[in-house]
Each structure stands twice: as C-alpha cells, then as structure tokens.
C-alpha cells in the first residue's frame, strides 16, 4: 500500500503552504532595475488597493479658479502585505500629486467625487534616522522636474499611452502616428477630450 498522502490532506502550515508568502516577500525586497535605476519594493506595473476612513477635506478659495486643499485621513490596505515585507513602522513619505477631480452636485449638501491622476515620490524619512532622504531644496527641484515632465507630456502627448486615433497629414493625405517620446505621462493626467458638465459646477 502506498504511504503517499492524499493531496487533500496537506496541512496548511506545511512548507509548501508557506512558500508563496516567502517568495512574495523576497520579490518585494529584492533589487530591481528601471531605466538604469535600481529600486526595491513593488515591481513596476503592479498596484495597491486602499480603503480610506471617513476623513476631512478642507479647501480655501484663493482666486476665482484656484483652491488650496488639505485632506487628513487614515488609509487601510484592502488586502494584507506579505509578512516581513515593506518598510518599518514609522517611515514617512512625501508625495506630490497632480490630478483631475470630477464632481457632480446631487443636492444642496452632497456631491459625487472622482479623483484620477499621478502621485510622485519626492522623498522619504526612515523611521530609524528621523531625517528626510532629500533636503527641502532638492525636494523642490524634484517637484519642478516632475511638473516639467507633466507639462511636456501635455504639450506633446505620446502614442505609447495615448488611445487617440492616428493623426492625418493634410498636406500629404496620409495617416501617420503621433510623435513618440522617451518618457510618458499616463493618460490620467492629460486633459480629457470629452467635456463633462459636472466639472463645470461652481463650488
């Protein structure tokens, strides 16, 4: 009689059951490369899903079209991080966000809200050091470089991430693709091609 266990009798606490989590942890912490730059953490192309607690969004009108905003809230991971992966508790991040907020007024006090755009890591502060990875001056330079890249992409959209049809050369009567560039900003930051009446609602 064979002593080989049935597949349904493998214990959850076995080595085979723990291997996927160890692999995920090793993959997260391993060095990776993107355009000649080494980095650790989540691999390019993957993503997080977060759930935000009820928070406070405060805004102050500066000009007829400009508002200053502040948002304070706790966000919680929808799933669970692999055990042992990620940065230590107490690590801080400085992100710079550029995006579109669409709203639609439902009644005197309620609006639907949708936010889409980009967030760029300016700096981080390790829990054990207590100091930022870049000086305030360097952080400003990084934000300026990011905004210049966004402006360049708005002025010269790429075909790599652009779902618009090819442009037509009226002089030659032929169809040609739009100009490609080395770096690209995702289409979430580009001005929408379709007008939305909700974005015209005064706040």
Protein backbone atom coordinates (compact mmCIF):
# COMPACT_ATOMS: atom_id res chain seq x y z
CA UNK A 1 0.00 0.00 0.00
CA UNK A 2 1.32 3.44 -0.88
CA UNK A 3 2.12 5.77 2.01
CA UNK A 4 1.90 8.84 -0.18
CA UNK A 5 -0.57 11.30 1.41
CA UNK A 6 -3.60 12.43 -0.49
CA UNK A 7 -3.44 15.96 -1.88
CA UNK A 8 -6.39 16.99 0.25
CA UNK A 9 -4.58 16.04 3.47
CA UNK A 10 -1.69 18.52 3.14
CA UNK A 11 -1.63 20.73 6.22
CA UNK A 12 -1.97 24.46 5.78
CA UNK A 13 1.07 25.01 7.99
CA UNK A 14 3.36 22.92 5.79
CA UNK A 15 6.40 24.32 4.00
CA UNK A 16 4.54 24.12 0.70
CA UNK A 17 1.78 26.26 2.15
CA UNK A 18 4.22 28.96 3.29
CA UNK A 19 6.36 29.12 0.15
CA UNK A 20 4.21 31.63 -1.80
CA UNK A 21 4.40 34.17 1.03
CA UNK A 22 8.18 33.79 1.35
CA UNK A 23 8.51 34.22 -2.40
CA UNK A 24 6.37 37.36 -2.30
CA UNK A 25 8.49 38.82 0.50
CA UNK A 26 11.75 38.05 -1.30
CA UNK A 27 10.40 39.55 -4.53
CA UNK A 28 9.29 42.74 -2.74
CA UNK A 29 12.66 43.31 -1.05
CA UNK A 30 14.85 42.28 -4.00
CA UNK A 31 16.68 44.92 -6.03
CA UNK A 32 15.08 45.69 -9.39
CA UNK A 33 16.08 47.98 -12.25
CA UNK A 34 14.10 50.57 -14.22
CA UNK A 35 15.78 52.65 -16.95
CA UNK A 36 19.19 52.10 -15.33
CA UNK A 37 17.99 52.95 -11.81
CA UNK A 38 17.94 50.34 -9.03
CA UNK A 39 14.97 50.22 -6.67
CA UNK A 40 13.22 47.93 -4.18
CA UNK A 41 9.59 47.41 -3.28
CA UNK A 42 6.64 46.72 -5.54
CA UNK A 43 7.54 45.86 -9.11
CA UNK A 44 6.69 48.36 -11.89
CA UNK A 45 3.21 47.71 -13.24
CA UNK A 46 1.69 46.29 -10.05
CA UNK A 47 -0.63 48.23 -7.73
CA UNK A 48 -2.30 48.69 -4.36
CA UNK A 49 -5.94 49.00 -3.39
CA UNK A 50 -6.68 51.10 -0.32
CA UNK A 51 -9.78 51.85 1.70
CA UNK A 52 -9.96 55.31 3.24
CA UNK A 53 -11.63 56.03 6.57
CA UNK A 54 -14.03 58.97 6.80
CA UNK A 55 -11.71 61.96 6.62
CA UNK A 56 -11.65 65.75 6.48
CA UNK A 57 -11.19 67.56 3.16
CA UNK A 58 -10.69 71.28 3.73
CA UNK A 59 -10.42 73.84 0.95
CA UNK A 60 -9.93 77.60 0.78
CA UNK A 61 -10.62 79.71 -2.29
CA UNK A 62 -7.53 81.66 -3.42
CA UNK A 63 -8.65 83.02 -6.82
CA UNK A 64 -11.81 82.52 -8.92
CA UNK A 65 -10.30 79.26 -10.26
CA UNK A 66 -7.73 78.26 -7.62
CA UNK A 67 -8.32 76.49 -4.31
CA UNK A 68 -5.93 75.38 -1.59
CA UNK A 69 -6.80 71.92 -0.26
CA UNK A 70 -5.92 69.75 2.73
CA UNK A 71 -7.03 66.17 3.29
CA UNK A 72 -6.40 64.22 6.51
CA UNK A 73 -7.42 60.57 6.79
CA UNK A 74 -6.19 57.08 7.64
CA UNK A 75 -5.95 54.69 4.70
CA UNK A 76 -6.06 50.91 5.13
CA UNK A 77 -4.78 48.20 2.81
CA UNK A 78 -7.60 46.22 1.20
CA UNK A 79 -5.54 43.02 1.46
CA UNK A 80 -2.56 42.11 3.61
CA UNK A 81 1.12 42.81 2.99
CA UNK A 82 3.43 39.76 2.88
CA UNK A 83 4.87 39.17 6.35
CA UNK A 84 8.25 40.85 6.76
CA UNK A 85 7.99 42.94 3.59
CA UNK A 86 7.76 46.67 3.27
CA UNK A 87 9.38 49.49 5.24
CA UNK A 88 9.49 49.68 9.07
CA UNK A 89 6.59 51.18 11.00
CA UNK A 90 7.13 54.91 11.42
CA UNK A 91 8.52 55.53 7.92
CA UNK A 92 7.22 58.76 6.34
CA UNK A 93 6.72 59.65 2.68
CA UNK A 94 6.37 62.93 0.82
CA UNK A 95 4.29 62.57 -2.34
CA UNK A 96 3.40 65.25 -4.89
CA UNK A 97 0.01 64.75 -6.55
CA UNK A 98 -1.31 66.14 -9.83
CA UNK A 99 -4.77 65.03 -10.84
CA UNK A 100 -8.30 65.65 -12.02
CA UNK A 101 -11.20 65.86 -9.58
CA UNK A 102 -14.64 65.47 -11.09
CA UNK A 103 -17.73 66.28 -9.03
CA UNK A 104 -21.45 66.23 -9.65
CA UNK A 105 -23.89 68.02 -7.37
CA UNK A 106 -26.65 65.72 -6.11
CA UNK A 107 -28.39 68.09 -3.72
CA UNK A 108 -27.64 71.15 -1.58
CA UNK A 109 -25.07 69.28 0.53
CA UNK A 110 -23.91 66.18 -1.38
CA UNK A 111 -21.63 65.65 -4.38
CA UNK A 112 -20.24 62.58 -6.10
CA UNK A 113 -16.45 62.79 -6.33
CA UNK A 114 -13.89 61.05 -8.53
CA UNK A 115 -10.13 61.71 -8.44
CA UNK A 116 -7.67 60.43 -11.03
CA UNK A 117 -4.09 61.45 -11.70
CA UNK A 118 -0.48 60.85 -10.71
CA UNK A 119 1.49 60.88 -7.49
CA UNK A 120 5.26 61.30 -7.49
CA UNK A 121 7.56 60.33 -4.62
CA UNK A 122 9.52 63.41 -3.58
CA UNK A 123 11.28 61.98 -0.52
CA UNK A 124 11.02 59.53 2.36
CA UNK A 125 12.06 59.57 6.01
CA UNK A 126 13.24 56.31 7.55
CA UNK A 127 11.93 55.51 11.00
CA UNK A 128 15.39 54.85 12.44
CA UNK A 129 17.05 58.01 11.05
CA UNK A 130 14.35 60.64 11.51
CA UNK A 131 15.68 62.66 8.58
CA UNK A 132 14.34 63.07 5.04
CA UNK A 133 16.17 61.44 2.14
CA UNK A 134 16.43 64.83 0.39
CA UNK A 135 16.87 68.40 1.57
CA UNK A 136 13.98 70.88 1.12
CA UNK A 137 15.85 72.45 -1.81
CA UNK A 138 16.33 69.07 -3.50
CA UNK A 139 12.69 68.18 -2.90
CA UNK A 140 11.63 71.40 -4.67
CA UNK A 141 13.92 70.57 -7.60
CA UNK A 142 12.37 67.10 -7.88
CA UNK A 143 8.85 68.56 -7.90
CA UNK A 144 9.85 71.10 -10.56
CA UNK A 145 11.33 68.32 -12.72
CA UNK A 146 8.14 66.27 -12.32
CA UNK A 147 5.91 69.21 -13.28
CA UNK A 148 8.08 69.94 -16.31
CA UNK A 149 7.67 66.35 -17.43
CA UNK A 150 3.89 66.65 -16.99
CA UNK A 151 3.83 69.90 -18.99
CA UNK A 152 5.97 68.35 -21.72
CA UNK A 153 3.59 65.40 -22.00
CA UNK A 154 0.55 67.68 -22.14
CA UNK A 155 2.17 69.65 -24.97
CA UNK A 156 3.46 66.57 -26.80
CA UNK A 157 1.30 63.53 -25.98
CA UNK A 158 2.75 60.16 -26.90
CA UNK A 159 1.14 57.31 -28.79
CA UNK A 160 2.54 54.76 -26.35
CA UNK A 161 -0.08 55.61 -23.76
CA UNK A 162 -2.49 57.59 -25.91
CA UNK A 163 -5.68 55.91 -27.13
CA UNK A 164 -6.48 58.68 -29.62
CA UNK A 165 -6.51 57.75 -33.34
CA UNK A 166 -3.60 58.47 -35.63
CA UNK A 167 -3.35 61.99 -36.95
CA UNK A 168 -3.80 62.79 -40.64
CA UNK A 169 -1.24 64.77 -42.60
CA UNK A 170 -3.47 67.03 -44.69
CA UNK A 171 -0.61 68.06 -46.97
CA UNK A 172 0.25 64.50 -48.00
CA UNK A 173 -3.16 62.98 -47.48
CA UNK A 174 -1.65 60.14 -45.47
CA UNK A 175 -2.20 58.89 -41.96
CA UNK A 176 0.77 58.98 -39.60
CA UNK A 177 1.13 58.19 -35.89
CA UNK A 178 1.72 60.95 -33.40
CA UNK A 179 5.30 61.61 -32.30
CA UNK A 180 6.75 59.20 -29.71
CA UNK A 181 8.85 60.39 -26.79
CA UNK A 182 11.17 58.54 -24.43
CA UNK A 183 9.24 59.33 -21.27
CA UNK A 184 5.49 59.38 -20.98
CA UNK A 185 2.88 60.54 -18.53
CA UNK A 186 -0.12 58.22 -18.14
CA UNK A 187 -3.30 59.46 -19.83
CA UNK A 188 -4.94 60.01 -16.45
CA UNK A 189 -3.12 63.33 -16.21
CA UNK A 190 -3.92 64.60 -19.68
CA UNK A 191 -6.83 66.92 -20.27
CA UNK A 192 -9.96 64.87 -21.05
CA UNK A 193 -11.07 65.06 -24.66
CA UNK A 194 -14.75 64.81 -23.73
CA UNK A 195 -16.43 67.63 -21.87
CA UNK A 196 -18.11 66.78 -18.62
CA UNK A 197 -20.87 69.01 -17.40
CA UNK A 198 -20.13 68.01 -13.83
CA UNK A 199 -16.68 69.62 -13.97
CA UNK A 200 -18.29 72.97 -14.70
CA UNK A 201 -20.27 73.05 -11.47
CA UNK A 202 -19.24 76.01 -9.34
CA UNK A 203 -18.07 75.24 -5.83
